[in-house]
Amino acid sequence: MYSTDRRLAPLLLLCATLLAGGCATLGGNDAAPLPQRQGAFTIEADFFGALKGFGGNLEQSYTVAVIDFQDLTGSRIEGGASTAVATSGKLLTEFLLTSPSLQSKFQVYSRSSLKELLTERTLAENFDRNRKNRLLADTPESLMAVVSQQLQPLFDLADIRPVDLLISGAVVGYDKNLSDDGMAAGLLGYNAKQKRSVDQLYVMVQLIETKTGRIRSVGTAAAEISSTLRSGGYLGFLSQYQILELEGGLAVNDPTTLALFEALSHALVEMFNNA
């Protein structure tokens, strides 16, 4: 037992060294920390500058509505229960356009809840009408004409006006394993390997004039989504009856939602620049 412990100590030290830094020997620059998108929905300053110049007049403002944002990739995962990318493109577009730096340029209106909004307005109109009828019913007939003219509705709602511009968009493609590469090395039971694959998604947005229905401009953009795996291990005999196996690794996957947000922001800049 004593001899086994003496053999095990240097092996454990050697394997710990392999798992901590052995994968870095697979490539010079690959020894650096694995790249990954950081933060949540960070908007670059160039985005605001590009959109503020839309229309050629910094002082002019526009009313805008995002009507839809579809997933046209045809890519399904988990037995078809979900798509390869998030279906939040419409909300992300509205989030970009409602940034405080753009409030003087764009007034963004929601059209996704228009049916519910119209229902609430109908309820308000019915309430005003019933309230007026109840008040007039308690008013003497001689004063009814005067009261009817002076009675103000409790809910005085302005008309819902059409917006100047409509925005429609879609994730038009998602290519899996656009590149897939790796390398590995092993010697006397020790092994280290690295594997990297890259997917790519494509976004397209359209700017539509409400008055004419004309597609005023189109913007496109793409973003890569990389996945990297590094691992190392040891497999060998401690004695005739004992086998030691150690392994460890690290996997880093780019978040697809942030990749969608990045591609969408670039597509919007191109769309407004082309208009």
Protein backbone atom coordinates (compact mmCIF):
# COMPACT_ATOMS: atom_id res chain seq x y z
CA MET A 1 0.00 0.00 0.00
CA TYR A 2 2.89 2.31 0.80
CA SER A 3 4.45 1.81 -2.61
CA THR A 4 1.16 2.58 -4.35
CA ASP A 5 0.83 5.89 -2.48
CA ARG A 6 4.36 6.86 -3.48
CA ARG A 7 3.52 6.22 -7.13
CA LEU A 8 0.18 7.99 -6.88
CA ALA A 9 1.51 11.30 -5.51
CA PRO A 10 3.60 12.33 -8.56
CA LEU A 11 0.88 11.14 -10.91
CA LEU A 12 -1.71 13.31 -9.19
CA LEU A 13 0.62 16.30 -9.33
CA LEU A 14 1.33 15.71 -12.98
CA CYS A 15 -2.36 15.30 -13.84
CA ALA A 16 -3.30 18.45 -11.94
CA THR A 17 -0.72 20.35 -13.97
CA LEU A 18 -2.14 18.86 -17.18
CA LEU A 19 -5.73 19.77 -16.36
CA ALA A 20 -4.81 23.30 -15.32
CA GLY A 21 -2.63 24.27 -18.23
CA GLY A 22 -1.98 21.36 -20.51
CA CYS A 23 -4.65 22.38 -23.00
CA ALA A 24 -2.84 25.66 -23.51
CA THR A 25 -0.03 23.79 -25.22
CA LEU A 26 -2.33 23.01 -28.13
CA GLY A 27 -1.83 26.47 -29.63
CA GLY A 28 0.01 29.68 -28.86
CA ASN A 29 -2.82 32.24 -28.74
CA ASP A 30 -5.35 29.65 -27.56
CA ALA A 31 -3.79 29.85 -24.10
CA ALA A 32 -5.70 33.09 -23.54
CA PRO A 33 -9.13 33.01 -21.83
CA LEU A 34 -11.90 31.69 -24.01
CA PRO A 35 -13.78 34.53 -25.76
CA GLN A 36 -17.40 35.12 -24.86
CA ARG A 37 -19.95 37.90 -25.33
CA GLN A 38 -20.37 39.75 -22.07
CA GLY A 39 -23.09 41.93 -20.62
CA ALA A 40 -26.75 42.09 -21.50
CA PHE A 41 -27.98 44.21 -24.40
CA THR A 42 -25.26 46.84 -24.45
CA ILE A 43 -25.90 49.43 -27.18
CA GLU A 44 -22.90 50.92 -28.94
CA ALA A 45 -22.62 54.69 -29.26
CA ASP A 46 -22.35 54.44 -33.07
CA PHE A 47 -25.87 53.04 -33.15
CA PHE A 48 -27.39 56.25 -31.78
CA GLY A 49 -25.37 58.46 -34.13
CA ALA A 50 -26.51 56.52 -37.19
CA LEU A 51 -30.20 56.60 -36.29
CA LYS A 52 -30.29 60.25 -35.23
CA GLY A 53 -29.23 61.24 -38.74
CA PHE A 54 -32.19 59.47 -40.35
CA GLY A 55 -34.15 61.73 -42.68
CA GLY A 56 -31.33 64.25 -43.00
CA ASN A 57 -32.80 66.46 -40.27
CA LEU A 58 -31.72 65.97 -36.67
CA GLU A 59 -34.76 67.88 -35.37
CA GLN A 60 -37.41 65.89 -37.26
CA SER A 61 -39.13 63.09 -35.33
CA TYR A 62 -41.07 60.07 -36.55
CA THR A 63 -43.73 57.77 -35.13
CA VAL A 64 -42.79 54.11 -35.55
CA ALA A 65 -44.32 50.70 -34.88
CA VAL A 66 -42.69 47.28 -35.07
CA ILE A 67 -45.35 45.07 -36.60
CA ASP A 68 -43.65 41.66 -36.52
CA PHE A 69 -40.38 39.79 -36.26
CA GLN A 70 -40.48 36.24 -37.53
CA ASP A 71 -38.24 33.21 -37.26
CA LEU A 72 -37.77 31.99 -40.83
CA THR A 73 -34.74 29.80 -40.16
CA GLY A 74 -36.62 26.52 -40.32
CA SER A 75 -34.21 25.33 -37.65
CA ARG A 76 -35.83 23.42 -34.81
CA ILE A 77 -34.27 21.85 -31.75
CA GLU A 78 -35.45 19.61 -28.93
CA GLY A 79 -37.85 17.64 -31.05
CA GLY A 80 -39.33 20.71 -32.73
CA ALA A 81 -40.46 22.26 -29.44
CA SER A 82 -38.32 25.38 -29.82
CA THR A 83 -36.29 27.27 -32.37
CA ALA A 84 -32.54 27.70 -32.63
CA VAL A 85 -32.78 31.41 -31.75
CA ALA A 86 -34.87 33.44 -29.34
CA THR A 87 -38.20 34.72 -30.66
CA SER A 88 -37.69 38.08 -28.98
CA GLY A 89 -36.68 40.05 -32.07
CA LYS A 90 -39.73 42.33 -31.91
CA LEU A 91 -39.14 43.25 -28.28
CA LEU A 92 -35.42 43.76 -28.88
CA THR A 93 -36.17 46.11 -31.80
CA GLU A 94 -38.55 48.14 -29.65
CA PHE A 95 -35.95 48.19 -26.88
CA LEU A 96 -33.34 49.63 -29.26
CA LEU A 97 -35.66 52.31 -30.65
CA THR A 98 -36.97 53.40 -27.25
CA SER A 99 -33.50 54.13 -25.86
CA PRO A 100 -33.40 57.50 -24.03
CA SER A 101 -30.91 58.83 -26.60
CA LEU A 102 -33.48 58.31 -29.39
CA GLN A 103 -36.65 59.56 -27.70
CA SER A 104 -36.44 62.87 -29.54
CA LYS A 105 -36.12 61.05 -32.88
CA PHE A 106 -38.58 58.16 -32.62
CA GLN A 107 -41.89 57.76 -30.85
CA VAL A 108 -42.49 54.02 -30.73
CA TYR A 109 -46.05 52.70 -30.59
CA SER A 110 -47.08 49.15 -29.83
CA ARG A 111 -49.19 47.23 -32.31
CA SER A 112 -48.91 43.81 -30.70
CA SER A 113 -51.63 44.63 -28.13
CA LEU A 114 -53.78 46.74 -30.43
CA LYS A 115 -56.79 44.41 -30.10
CA GLU A 116 -56.65 44.58 -26.29
CA LEU A 117 -56.14 48.36 -26.44
CA LEU A 118 -59.22 48.83 -28.63
CA THR A 119 -61.22 46.64 -26.25
CA GLU A 120 -60.23 48.84 -23.31
CA ARG A 121 -61.20 51.96 -25.23
CA THR A 122 -64.58 50.43 -26.05
CA LEU A 123 -65.11 49.72 -22.35
CA ALA A 124 -64.24 53.35 -21.57
CA GLU A 125 -66.73 54.62 -24.16
CA ASN A 126 -69.47 52.35 -22.78
CA PHE A 127 -68.72 53.54 -19.26
CA ASP A 128 -68.98 57.21 -20.29
CA ARG A 129 -72.25 56.57 -22.12
CA ASN A 130 -73.84 54.66 -19.23
CA ARG A 131 -72.62 57.23 -16.71
CA LYS A 132 -74.17 60.05 -18.75
CA ASN A 133 -77.48 58.20 -19.02
CA ARG A 134 -77.58 57.63 -15.25
CA LEU A 135 -76.86 61.29 -14.48
CA LEU A 136 -79.46 62.52 -16.96
CA ALA A 137 -82.02 60.16 -15.52
CA ASP A 138 -81.70 61.96 -12.18
CA THR A 139 -81.85 65.43 -13.76
CA PRO A 140 -85.10 67.43 -13.96
CA GLU A 141 -86.46 67.60 -17.49
CA SER A 142 -86.17 71.41 -17.53
CA LEU A 143 -82.41 71.23 -16.94
CA MET A 144 -81.71 68.15 -19.02
CA ALA A 145 -80.61 70.05 -22.17
CA VAL A 146 -78.18 72.24 -20.22
CA VAL A 147 -76.72 69.37 -18.20
CA SER A 148 -76.35 67.21 -21.31
CA GLN A 149 -74.21 69.88 -23.02
CA GLN A 150 -71.99 70.57 -20.03
CA LEU A 151 -71.48 66.99 -18.89
CA GLN A 152 -67.88 65.94 -19.65
CA PRO A 153 -66.89 62.30 -20.17
CA LEU A 154 -64.81 60.73 -17.43
CA PHE A 155 -62.54 59.06 -20.00
CA ASP A 156 -61.71 61.57 -22.72
CA LEU A 157 -59.47 59.51 -25.03
CA ALA A 158 -57.78 60.89 -28.11
CA ASP A 159 -58.04 58.98 -31.37
CA ILE A 160 -55.36 56.39 -32.17
CA ARG A 161 -53.49 57.78 -35.14
CA PRO A 162 -51.47 55.80 -37.70
CA VAL A 163 -47.68 55.93 -37.41
CA ASP A 164 -45.30 57.29 -40.03
CA LEU A 165 -43.19 54.14 -40.41
CA LEU A 166 -43.58 50.41 -39.91
CA ILE A 167 -40.69 48.02 -39.23
CA SER A 168 -40.82 44.35 -40.08
CA GLY A 169 -38.01 41.88 -39.51
CA ALA A 170 -36.99 38.25 -39.39
CA VAL A 171 -34.18 35.88 -38.60
CA VAL A 172 -33.79 34.60 -42.15
CA GLY A 173 -31.16 31.94 -41.59
CA TYR A 174 -29.26 29.90 -39.05
CA ASP A 175 -26.31 27.85 -40.32
CA LYS A 176 -25.01 25.24 -37.92
CA ASN A 177 -21.37 24.14 -37.80
CA LEU A 178 -20.24 26.71 -40.32
CA SER A 179 -16.74 25.71 -39.24
CA ASP A 180 -15.75 22.80 -37.04
CA ASP A 181 -12.14 22.20 -36.09
CA GLY A 182 -10.02 20.86 -33.29
CA MET A 183 -6.74 19.33 -32.27
CA ALA A 184 -5.54 16.77 -29.75
CA ALA A 185 -2.32 15.32 -28.34
CA GLY A 186 -1.53 12.35 -26.14
CA LEU A 187 1.53 10.64 -24.68
CA LEU A 188 1.89 7.73 -22.25
CA GLY A 189 -1.69 7.98 -21.05
CA TYR A 190 -1.82 11.76 -20.94
CA ASN A 191 -4.09 13.55 -23.40
CA ALA A 192 -5.28 17.06 -24.15
CA LYS A 193 -7.69 18.25 -26.80
CA GLN A 194 -9.50 21.31 -28.05
CA LYS A 195 -12.55 21.60 -30.30
CA ARG A 196 -14.28 24.66 -31.70
CA SER A 197 -17.40 25.05 -33.83
CA VAL A 198 -19.06 28.16 -35.22
CA ASP A 199 -22.72 28.75 -36.10
CA GLN A 200 -24.01 31.86 -37.84
CA LEU A 201 -27.37 33.61 -37.85
CA TYR A 202 -28.69 36.15 -40.36
CA VAL A 203 -31.13 38.99 -39.67
CA MET A 204 -33.11 41.15 -42.10
CA VAL A 205 -35.27 44.21 -41.33
CA GLN A 206 -37.51 46.35 -43.56
CA LEU A 207 -38.65 49.96 -43.25
CA ILE A 208 -42.16 50.51 -44.69
CA GLU A 209 -43.89 53.82 -45.36
CA THR A 210 -47.41 53.82 -43.92
CA LYS A 211 -48.90 56.25 -46.45
CA THR A 212 -47.84 54.31 -49.54
CA GLY A 213 -46.91 50.83 -48.32
CA ARG A 214 -43.56 51.18 -50.10
CA ILE A 215 -40.55 49.34 -48.69
CA ARG A 216 -38.27 52.29 -48.16
CA SER A 217 -35.11 50.37 -47.21
CA VAL A 218 -33.76 47.01 -46.07
CA GLY A 219 -30.98 46.16 -43.65
CA THR A 220 -29.15 42.87 -43.14
CA ALA A 221 -26.53 41.61 -40.73
CA ALA A 222 -24.98 38.37 -39.48
CA ALA A 223 -23.45 37.26 -36.20
CA GLU A 224 -21.32 34.27 -35.31
CA ILE A 225 -22.02 31.99 -32.37
CA SER A 226 -18.97 29.98 -31.33
CA SER A 227 -18.65 26.99 -29.02
CA THR A 228 -15.27 25.97 -27.62
CA LEU A 229 -14.32 22.87 -25.65
CA ARG A 230 -10.99 22.23 -23.94
CA SER A 231 -10.24 19.08 -21.98
CA GLY A 232 -7.38 17.01 -20.68
CA GLY A 233 -6.89 13.80 -18.79
CA TYR A 234 -4.80 10.81 -17.81
CA LEU A 235 -5.42 7.07 -18.03
CA GLY A 236 -2.83 4.62 -16.74
CA PHE A 237 -2.04 1.72 -14.43
CA LEU A 238 -1.03 2.33 -10.83
CA SER A 239 -0.39 -1.36 -10.35
CA GLN A 240 -1.36 -4.65 -11.90
CA TYR A 241 -4.83 -4.33 -10.39
CA GLN A 242 -5.36 -0.56 -10.19
CA ILE A 243 -6.18 1.87 -13.02
CA LEU A 244 -6.21 5.63 -12.56
CA GLU A 245 -8.34 7.84 -14.81
CA LEU A 246 -8.56 11.62 -14.42
CA GLU A 247 -10.19 14.11 -16.74
CA GLY A 248 -11.40 17.68 -16.74
CA GLY A 249 -12.38 20.37 -19.17
CA LEU A 250 -14.06 23.65 -19.91
CA ALA A 251 -16.79 24.48 -22.44
CA VAL A 252 -17.81 28.02 -23.42
CA ASN A 253 -20.84 28.72 -25.65
CA ASP A 254 -21.71 32.17 -26.99
CA PRO A 255 -25.28 33.19 -25.99
CA THR A 256 -27.51 33.17 -29.05
CA THR A 257 -29.77 35.91 -27.67
CA LEU A 258 -26.89 38.39 -27.44
CA ALA A 259 -25.77 37.37 -30.92
CA LEU A 260 -29.29 38.11 -32.19
CA PHE A 261 -29.24 41.49 -30.44
CA GLU A 262 -25.85 42.32 -31.95
CA ALA A 263 -26.93 41.37 -35.48
CA LEU A 264 -30.23 43.22 -35.10
CA SER A 265 -28.56 46.48 -34.03
CA HIS A 266 -26.25 46.36 -37.07
CA ALA A 267 -29.16 45.57 -39.40
CA LEU A 268 -31.14 48.55 -38.09
CA VAL A 269 -28.18 50.87 -38.64
CA GLU A 270 -27.86 49.67 -42.25
CA MET A 271 -31.60 50.00 -42.82
CA PHE A 272 -31.82 53.60 -41.61
CA ASN A 273 -28.59 54.55 -43.40
CA ASN A 274 -29.94 53.14 -46.69
CA ALA A 275 -33.18 55.09 -46.34
